[in-house]
Amino acid sequence: MISPAITVSGLEVIEIVSSFSKGIRLSQLHEAVVKRFGPLATFHTSSRVGLDFDDLLVFLEARHQVRIFKGVVFPRSARDFRA
C-alpha cells in the first residue's frame, strides 16, 4: 500500500536533525524522513510550500537552520562541522 502524500513542517525535519548533536549522514536523514512521513511527503516552511526533501535542505541551510558538510547534516548549534 502506498502512503498518501502529506505536507510536513520543516521544523519536524529540524527536530530530527537536532536529535543527532554530532550530525546525521544525509542518506540516513533521508531514510528517517521517508520512514516517518512516507516517500511522497512534501514540506513547507513559514514562507514556502511544496518543497521536496532536497529543496527543504537547501532552504534550511541558507537560513542557517542546519549545516551540511561532507554529506553530514548538523543542527544549527553543532560545532563539529567546522573545517
N, C-alpha and C. Protein backbone atom coordinates (compact mmCIF):
# COMPACT_ATOMS: atom_id res chain seq x y z
N MET A 1 0.83 -1.18 0.00
CA MET A 1 0.00 0.00 0.00
C MET A 1 0.88 1.25 0.00
N ILE A 2 0.58 2.19 -0.85
CA ILE A 2 1.35 3.43 -0.94
C ILE A 2 0.78 4.44 0.04
N SER A 3 1.66 5.09 0.78
CA SER A 3 1.25 6.12 1.73
C SER A 3 0.73 7.33 0.98
N PRO A 4 -0.34 7.96 1.51
CA PRO A 4 -0.80 9.19 0.86
C PRO A 4 0.22 10.30 1.06
N ALA A 5 0.25 11.23 0.12
CA ALA A 5 1.16 12.37 0.23
C ALA A 5 0.70 13.27 1.37
N ILE A 6 1.65 13.71 2.17
CA ILE A 6 1.34 14.64 3.25
C ILE A 6 2.30 15.82 3.16
N THR A 7 1.90 16.91 3.78
CA THR A 7 2.75 18.08 3.86
C THR A 7 3.27 18.18 5.28
N VAL A 8 4.58 18.29 5.41
CA VAL A 8 5.26 18.25 6.70
C VAL A 8 5.97 19.58 6.93
N SER A 9 5.89 20.08 8.15
CA SER A 9 6.61 21.30 8.50
C SER A 9 8.11 21.03 8.50
N GLY A 10 8.87 21.97 7.97
CA GLY A 10 10.33 21.86 8.01
C GLY A 10 10.85 21.76 9.43
N LEU A 11 10.10 22.27 10.40
CA LEU A 11 10.51 22.18 11.81
C LEU A 11 10.63 20.73 12.27
N GLU A 12 9.81 19.85 11.70
CA GLU A 12 9.90 18.44 12.08
C GLU A 12 11.21 17.82 11.59
N VAL A 13 11.68 18.23 10.45
CA VAL A 13 12.97 17.75 9.95
C VAL A 13 14.10 18.33 10.79
N ILE A 14 13.99 19.60 11.17
CA ILE A 14 14.98 20.20 12.06
C ILE A 14 15.04 19.45 13.38
N GLU A 15 13.89 19.03 13.91
CA GLU A 15 13.86 18.25 15.15
C GLU A 15 14.60 16.93 15.00
N ILE A 16 14.42 16.26 13.87
CA ILE A 16 15.13 15.00 13.63
C ILE A 16 16.63 15.27 13.62
N VAL A 17 17.06 16.27 12.87
CA VAL A 17 18.49 16.61 12.80
C VAL A 17 19.02 16.97 14.19
N SER A 18 18.25 17.73 14.94
CA SER A 18 18.69 18.18 16.27
C SER A 18 18.86 17.03 17.26
N SER A 19 18.21 15.92 17.00
CA SER A 19 18.37 14.77 17.90
C SER A 19 19.72 14.06 17.70
N PHE A 20 20.48 14.51 16.71
CA PHE A 20 21.82 13.98 16.43
C PHE A 20 22.82 15.12 16.58
N SER A 21 23.26 15.39 17.79
CA SER A 21 24.12 16.55 18.05
C SER A 21 25.44 16.51 17.28
N LYS A 22 25.90 15.31 16.92
CA LYS A 22 27.14 15.20 16.16
C LYS A 22 26.87 15.01 14.67
N GLY A 23 25.62 15.23 14.26
CA GLY A 23 25.26 15.15 12.86
C GLY A 23 24.70 13.80 12.46
N ILE A 24 24.01 13.80 11.34
CA ILE A 24 23.44 12.58 10.76
C ILE A 24 23.78 12.58 9.28
N ARG A 25 24.21 11.43 8.78
CA ARG A 25 24.52 11.34 7.35
C ARG A 25 23.27 11.68 6.55
N LEU A 26 23.46 12.37 5.46
CA LEU A 26 22.36 12.80 4.61
C LEU A 26 21.48 11.62 4.21
N SER A 27 22.10 10.50 3.84
CA SER A 27 21.33 9.32 3.44
C SER A 27 20.50 8.78 4.60
N GLN A 28 21.04 8.82 5.82
CA GLN A 28 20.30 8.35 6.99
C GLN A 28 19.14 9.29 7.31
N LEU A 29 19.35 10.58 7.15
CA LEU A 29 18.28 11.54 7.37
C LEU A 29 17.16 11.30 6.38
N HIS A 30 17.52 11.11 5.12
CA HIS A 30 16.50 10.84 4.10
C HIS A 30 15.71 9.59 4.44
N GLU A 31 16.39 8.53 4.86
CA GLU A 31 15.71 7.29 5.25
C GLU A 31 14.77 7.53 6.42
N ALA A 32 15.21 8.29 7.41
CA ALA A 32 14.39 8.57 8.59
C ALA A 32 13.15 9.37 8.21
N VAL A 33 13.32 10.33 7.32
CA VAL A 33 12.19 11.16 6.88
C VAL A 33 11.19 10.31 6.09
N VAL A 34 11.67 9.48 5.19
CA VAL A 34 10.78 8.61 4.41
C VAL A 34 10.05 7.64 5.34
N LYS A 35 10.76 7.08 6.30
CA LYS A 35 10.14 6.13 7.23
C LYS A 35 9.05 6.81 8.06
N ARG A 36 9.32 8.03 8.49
CA ARG A 36 8.37 8.73 9.37
C ARG A 36 7.20 9.34 8.61
N PHE A 37 7.44 9.91 7.42
CA PHE A 37 6.41 10.67 6.73
C PHE A 37 5.95 10.06 5.41
N GLY A 38 6.68 9.06 4.93
CA GLY A 38 6.32 8.43 3.67
C GLY A 38 7.10 9.02 2.50
N PRO A 39 7.20 8.26 1.42
CA PRO A 39 8.02 8.69 0.28
C PRO A 39 7.43 9.84 -0.53
N LEU A 40 6.15 10.13 -0.35
CA LEU A 40 5.51 11.17 -1.14
C LEU A 40 5.36 12.49 -0.38
N ALA A 41 5.92 12.56 0.80
CA ALA A 41 5.79 13.78 1.61
C ALA A 41 6.43 14.97 0.93
N THR A 42 5.77 16.10 1.06
CA THR A 42 6.36 17.38 0.67
C THR A 42 6.46 18.22 1.94
N PHE A 43 7.17 19.31 1.85
CA PHE A 43 7.50 20.08 3.04
C PHE A 43 7.10 21.54 2.88
N HIS A 44 6.87 22.18 4.02
CA HIS A 44 6.56 23.60 4.00
C HIS A 44 7.30 24.29 5.13
N THR A 45 7.51 25.58 4.94
CA THR A 45 8.10 26.44 5.97
C THR A 45 7.14 27.61 6.15
N SER A 46 7.55 28.58 6.94
CA SER A 46 6.67 29.73 7.14
C SER A 46 6.51 30.55 5.86
N SER A 47 7.42 30.38 4.91
CA SER A 47 7.34 31.19 3.69
C SER A 47 7.30 30.39 2.39
N ARG A 48 7.43 29.08 2.45
CA ARG A 48 7.46 28.26 1.23
C ARG A 48 6.58 27.02 1.43
N VAL A 49 5.98 26.56 0.35
CA VAL A 49 5.19 25.33 0.37
C VAL A 49 5.58 24.47 -0.82
N GLY A 50 5.29 23.17 -0.71
CA GLY A 50 5.53 22.27 -1.82
C GLY A 50 6.98 21.92 -2.07
N LEU A 51 7.82 22.02 -1.06
CA LEU A 51 9.24 21.70 -1.21
C LEU A 51 9.45 20.20 -1.17
N ASP A 52 10.37 19.70 -2.01
CA ASP A 52 10.78 18.31 -1.84
C ASP A 52 11.91 18.29 -0.81
N PHE A 53 12.38 17.10 -0.48
CA PHE A 53 13.39 16.94 0.57
C PHE A 53 14.64 17.76 0.28
N ASP A 54 15.15 17.66 -0.95
CA ASP A 54 16.37 18.39 -1.31
C ASP A 54 16.18 19.90 -1.23
N ASP A 55 15.05 20.37 -1.75
CA ASP A 55 14.77 21.81 -1.70
C ASP A 55 14.64 22.31 -0.26
N LEU A 56 14.03 21.49 0.59
CA LEU A 56 13.91 21.86 2.00
C LEU A 56 15.28 22.03 2.63
N LEU A 57 16.18 21.08 2.39
CA LEU A 57 17.51 21.18 2.98
C LEU A 57 18.27 22.40 2.47
N VAL A 58 18.14 22.71 1.20
CA VAL A 58 18.77 23.92 0.65
C VAL A 58 18.21 25.15 1.37
N PHE A 59 16.90 25.19 1.53
CA PHE A 59 16.24 26.30 2.21
C PHE A 59 16.73 26.42 3.66
N LEU A 60 16.75 25.30 4.38
CA LEU A 60 17.15 25.32 5.79
C LEU A 60 18.62 25.71 5.96
N GLU A 61 19.47 25.25 5.06
CA GLU A 61 20.88 25.60 5.17
C GLU A 61 21.10 27.08 4.85
N ALA A 62 20.39 27.59 3.87
CA ALA A 62 20.52 29.01 3.51
C ALA A 62 20.10 29.92 4.66
N ARG A 63 19.21 29.42 5.51
CA ARG A 63 18.74 30.20 6.65
C ARG A 63 19.42 29.78 7.96
N HIS A 64 20.51 29.04 7.83
CA HIS A 64 21.35 28.64 8.97
C HIS A 64 20.59 27.83 10.02
N GLN A 65 19.61 27.05 9.57
CA GLN A 65 18.88 26.17 10.47
C GLN A 65 19.57 24.81 10.59
N VAL A 66 20.27 24.41 9.54
CA VAL A 66 21.10 23.20 9.54
C VAL A 66 22.36 23.55 8.76
N ARG A 67 23.36 22.70 8.91
CA ARG A 67 24.61 22.85 8.16
C ARG A 67 24.93 21.51 7.54
N ILE A 68 25.26 21.49 6.26
CA ILE A 68 25.62 20.25 5.57
C ILE A 68 27.08 20.34 5.20
N PHE A 69 27.87 19.37 5.68
CA PHE A 69 29.30 19.37 5.44
C PHE A 69 29.74 17.94 5.19
N LYS A 70 30.33 17.70 4.02
CA LYS A 70 30.83 16.37 3.63
C LYS A 70 29.77 15.28 3.82
N GLY A 71 28.55 15.57 3.39
CA GLY A 71 27.48 14.56 3.43
C GLY A 71 26.86 14.33 4.79
N VAL A 72 27.17 15.19 5.75
CA VAL A 72 26.60 15.06 7.09
C VAL A 72 25.80 16.33 7.39
N VAL A 73 24.60 16.14 7.93
CA VAL A 73 23.73 17.26 8.28
C VAL A 73 23.83 17.49 9.78
N PHE A 74 24.15 18.72 10.15
CA PHE A 74 24.33 19.10 11.54
C PHE A 74 23.24 20.08 11.97
N PRO A 75 22.83 20.00 13.24
CA PRO A 75 21.92 21.01 13.74
C PRO A 75 22.64 22.36 13.82
N ARG A 76 21.90 23.41 13.86
CA ARG A 76 22.45 24.76 13.84
C ARG A 76 23.49 24.98 14.93
N SER A 77 23.31 24.41 16.10
CA SER A 77 24.23 24.67 17.20
C SER A 77 25.49 23.81 17.20
N ALA A 78 25.55 22.84 16.30
CA ALA A 78 26.71 21.93 16.28
C ALA A 78 27.97 22.67 15.87
N ARG A 79 29.06 22.35 16.52
CA ARG A 79 30.35 22.96 16.18
C ARG A 79 31.26 21.96 15.46
N ASP A 80 30.82 20.73 15.33
CA ASP A 80 31.65 19.67 14.76
C ASP A 80 31.84 19.78 13.26
N PHE A 81 31.07 20.63 12.57
CA PHE A 81 31.17 20.70 11.12
C PHE A 81 32.23 21.65 10.64
N ARG A 82 32.89 22.34 11.51
CA ARG A 82 33.90 23.30 11.08
C ARG A 82 35.06 22.61 10.40
N ALA A 83 35.49 23.20 9.33
CA ALA A 83 36.60 22.62 8.57
C ALA A 83 37.93 22.85 9.28
